[in-house]
Amino acid sequence: MKKLALALAFCSPVLAAENAPIYGTVDSKCVITMETPGIYGNPSPSLLSTDPVNGGVEPIVRFDVLSAAYYKAVISYPEQFSSSPSLSDVVNWTGVVTVNEVTDTQMSGYDAAKREFNNVTEYDLDFAGSTWFKIESEANYGYDKSFPAGEYNSVVEAECIAL
């Protein structure tokens, strides 16, 4: 009996344990840079537009992708002002996001493959390199109404989403 108890003592599980933590940091392989801030032109009293034909400047956002096919670009043109004078009527927003410049000719198909819904445009970033996107934005005020004098600001949202 003593031999059995002694044998069981050597086979018993270990009662002490230690956990060793492991730490790590992941840096994004997709970087977004605002290249050109947008400016609204005011070609008529009821229209604000970033179109150069209307006196505006289209904002340009650059996406630098280091690892191909791991990210998508999600870009939204504005649907409201972030600041403006008080407005008593509806503002109707339109806009479009397009590829402006690329570092790899394979990226030339990005516009044909983009997905658009509401004010959002998505691009699969299938190739490593830089892509510049331009964003056109127009705000039409009411029906035959003039925008009140003052400063108008809005924001383009650009995100790089890991897939």
Protein backbone atom coordinates (compact mmCIF):
# COMPACT_ATOMS: atom_id res chain seq x y z
CA MET A 1 0.00 0.00 0.00
CA LYS A 2 2.88 2.34 0.84
CA LYS A 3 4.43 1.64 -2.57
CA LEU A 4 1.15 2.54 -4.33
CA ALA A 5 0.84 5.83 -2.38
CA LEU A 6 4.44 6.70 -3.19
CA ALA A 7 3.89 5.94 -6.91
CA LEU A 8 0.77 8.13 -6.99
CA ALA A 9 2.66 11.00 -5.35
CA PHE A 10 5.18 11.05 -8.21
CA CYS A 11 2.43 10.89 -10.85
CA SER A 12 0.26 13.67 -9.39
CA PRO A 13 -0.27 16.76 -11.55
CA VAL A 14 1.81 19.89 -11.01
CA LEU A 15 0.01 22.31 -8.73
CA ALA A 16 2.07 25.37 -9.66
CA ALA A 17 1.92 27.09 -13.07
CA GLU A 18 3.15 30.31 -14.61
CA ASN A 19 1.68 32.32 -17.51
CA ALA A 20 4.11 34.11 -19.79
CA PRO A 21 2.49 37.05 -21.64
CA ILE A 22 3.32 37.77 -25.27
CA TYR A 23 3.03 41.31 -26.63
CA GLY A 24 2.99 42.61 -30.17
CA THR A 25 2.19 45.69 -32.22
CA VAL A 26 0.77 45.76 -35.72
CA ASP A 27 1.43 48.81 -37.87
CA SER A 28 -0.97 49.52 -40.70
CA LYS A 29 0.34 48.84 -44.16
CA CYS A 30 -2.08 51.44 -45.50
CA VAL A 31 -1.51 55.16 -44.91
CA ILE A 32 -3.89 58.00 -45.83
CA THR A 33 -2.60 61.50 -46.59
CA MET A 34 -4.62 64.61 -47.44
CA GLU A 35 -2.81 65.95 -50.51
CA THR A 36 -5.06 68.87 -51.50
CA PRO A 37 -7.71 70.46 -49.29
CA GLY A 38 -10.97 71.27 -51.06
CA ILE A 39 -12.38 74.73 -51.64
CA TYR A 40 -15.97 75.55 -52.53
CA GLY A 41 -16.54 77.85 -55.46
CA ASN A 42 -19.81 79.82 -55.53
CA PRO A 43 -20.72 80.19 -59.23
CA SER A 44 -24.35 81.02 -58.45
CA PRO A 45 -26.11 82.19 -55.26
CA SER A 46 -27.60 78.74 -54.58
CA LEU A 47 -24.59 76.53 -55.44
CA LEU A 48 -21.35 75.63 -53.68
CA SER A 49 -19.10 73.34 -55.72
CA THR A 50 -15.58 71.93 -55.61
CA ASP A 51 -15.58 71.58 -59.41
CA PRO A 52 -12.77 73.73 -60.90
CA VAL A 53 -15.17 74.87 -63.65
CA ASN A 54 -17.23 76.47 -60.85
CA GLY A 55 -14.22 78.10 -59.17
CA GLY A 56 -13.67 75.31 -56.66
CA VAL A 57 -10.81 72.98 -55.81
CA GLU A 58 -11.45 69.25 -55.52
CA PRO A 59 -9.91 67.66 -52.44
CA ILE A 60 -7.39 64.91 -53.20
CA VAL A 61 -6.63 62.08 -50.79
CA ARG A 62 -3.68 59.67 -51.26
CA PHE A 63 -3.69 56.04 -50.10
CA ASP A 64 -0.26 54.39 -49.81
CA VAL A 65 -0.58 50.60 -49.66
CA LEU A 66 2.43 48.48 -48.72
CA SER A 67 0.70 45.07 -48.82
CA ALA A 68 -1.55 44.41 -51.79
CA ALA A 69 -5.09 42.99 -51.43
CA TYR A 70 -5.33 43.40 -47.64
CA TYR A 71 -7.22 46.73 -47.54
CA LYS A 72 -10.13 48.63 -49.02
CA ALA A 73 -10.53 52.38 -49.34
CA VAL A 74 -13.84 53.81 -48.11
CA ILE A 75 -14.34 57.46 -49.11
CA SER A 76 -17.44 59.55 -48.37
CA TYR A 77 -18.26 62.91 -49.91
CA PRO A 78 -20.07 65.33 -47.55
CA GLU A 79 -23.81 65.27 -46.91
CA GLN A 80 -23.84 68.17 -44.47
CA PHE A 81 -21.81 71.17 -43.46
CA SER A 82 -19.56 70.81 -40.44
CA SER A 83 -20.03 74.54 -39.95
CA SER A 84 -22.09 77.16 -41.77
CA PRO A 85 -24.38 80.09 -41.18
CA SER A 86 -27.89 79.21 -40.07
CA LEU A 87 -29.86 77.67 -42.95
CA SER A 88 -33.65 77.67 -43.13
CA ASP A 89 -34.06 75.33 -46.11
CA VAL A 90 -32.85 71.95 -47.37
CA VAL A 91 -29.39 71.51 -48.86
CA ASN A 92 -29.24 68.93 -51.65
CA TRP A 93 -25.87 67.19 -51.85
CA THR A 94 -24.25 65.40 -54.77
CA GLY A 95 -20.73 64.17 -55.28
CA VAL A 96 -18.46 61.67 -56.92
CA VAL A 97 -15.17 59.98 -56.01
CA THR A 98 -12.76 59.02 -58.78
CA VAL A 99 -9.19 57.85 -59.18
CA ASN A 100 -7.01 60.83 -60.07
CA GLU A 101 -3.52 59.27 -60.29
CA VAL A 102 -1.81 55.90 -59.68
CA THR A 103 1.73 54.56 -59.34
CA ASP A 104 0.96 51.21 -60.98
CA THR A 105 -0.88 50.84 -64.29
CA GLN A 106 -2.75 47.81 -62.88
CA MET A 107 -4.62 50.24 -60.61
CA SER A 108 -6.28 51.85 -63.65
CA GLY A 109 -9.21 49.42 -63.24
CA TYR A 110 -10.09 50.70 -59.75
CA ASP A 111 -12.84 53.07 -60.99
CA ALA A 112 -14.51 50.33 -63.04
CA ALA A 113 -14.60 48.01 -60.02
CA LYS A 114 -15.66 50.55 -57.37
CA ARG A 115 -18.83 50.16 -55.30
CA GLU A 116 -21.05 53.17 -54.67
CA PHE A 117 -23.94 53.58 -52.24
CA ASN A 118 -25.44 56.74 -50.74
CA ASN A 119 -22.46 59.11 -50.46
CA VAL A 120 -19.89 56.30 -50.01
CA THR A 121 -17.46 54.85 -52.55
CA GLU A 122 -15.42 51.70 -51.83
CA TYR A 123 -12.33 50.49 -53.67
CA ASP A 124 -10.51 47.20 -53.14
CA LEU A 125 -6.83 48.13 -52.96
CA ASP A 126 -5.55 45.10 -54.86
CA PHE A 127 -2.08 46.44 -55.69
CA ALA A 128 0.77 47.88 -53.64
CA GLY A 129 1.59 51.51 -54.34
CA SER A 130 -0.06 54.92 -54.15
CA THR A 131 -3.48 55.94 -55.41
CA TRP A 132 -4.77 59.49 -55.42
CA PHE A 133 -8.55 59.95 -55.23
CA LYS A 134 -10.33 63.21 -56.02
CA ILE A 135 -13.67 64.01 -54.49
CA GLU A 136 -16.20 66.31 -56.14
CA SER A 137 -18.85 67.79 -53.89
CA GLU A 138 -21.80 70.08 -54.64
CA ALA A 139 -24.34 71.64 -52.33
CA ASN A 140 -27.52 73.14 -53.80
CA TYR A 141 -29.61 75.30 -51.50
CA GLY A 142 -33.41 75.13 -51.51
CA TYR A 143 -35.38 76.15 -54.55
CA ASP A 144 -34.21 79.47 -55.99
CA LYS A 145 -32.67 80.47 -52.65
CA SER A 146 -29.32 82.11 -52.02
CA PHE A 147 -26.87 80.78 -49.49
CA PRO A 148 -26.50 83.31 -46.66
CA ALA A 149 -23.13 85.08 -46.54
CA GLY A 150 -20.53 83.38 -44.37
CA GLU A 151 -18.07 80.52 -44.21
CA TYR A 152 -19.08 77.00 -45.19
CA ASN A 153 -17.08 73.94 -44.22
CA SER A 154 -17.62 70.24 -44.79
CA VAL A 155 -15.53 67.10 -44.40
CA VAL A 156 -14.55 64.26 -46.71
CA GLU A 157 -14.15 61.02 -44.77
CA ALA A 158 -11.43 58.61 -45.94
CA GLU A 159 -10.78 55.26 -44.25
CA CYS A 160 -8.53 52.34 -44.97
CA ILE A 161 -10.26 49.17 -43.78
CA ALA A 162 -8.30 45.96 -43.22
CA LEU A 163 -9.91 42.98 -44.95
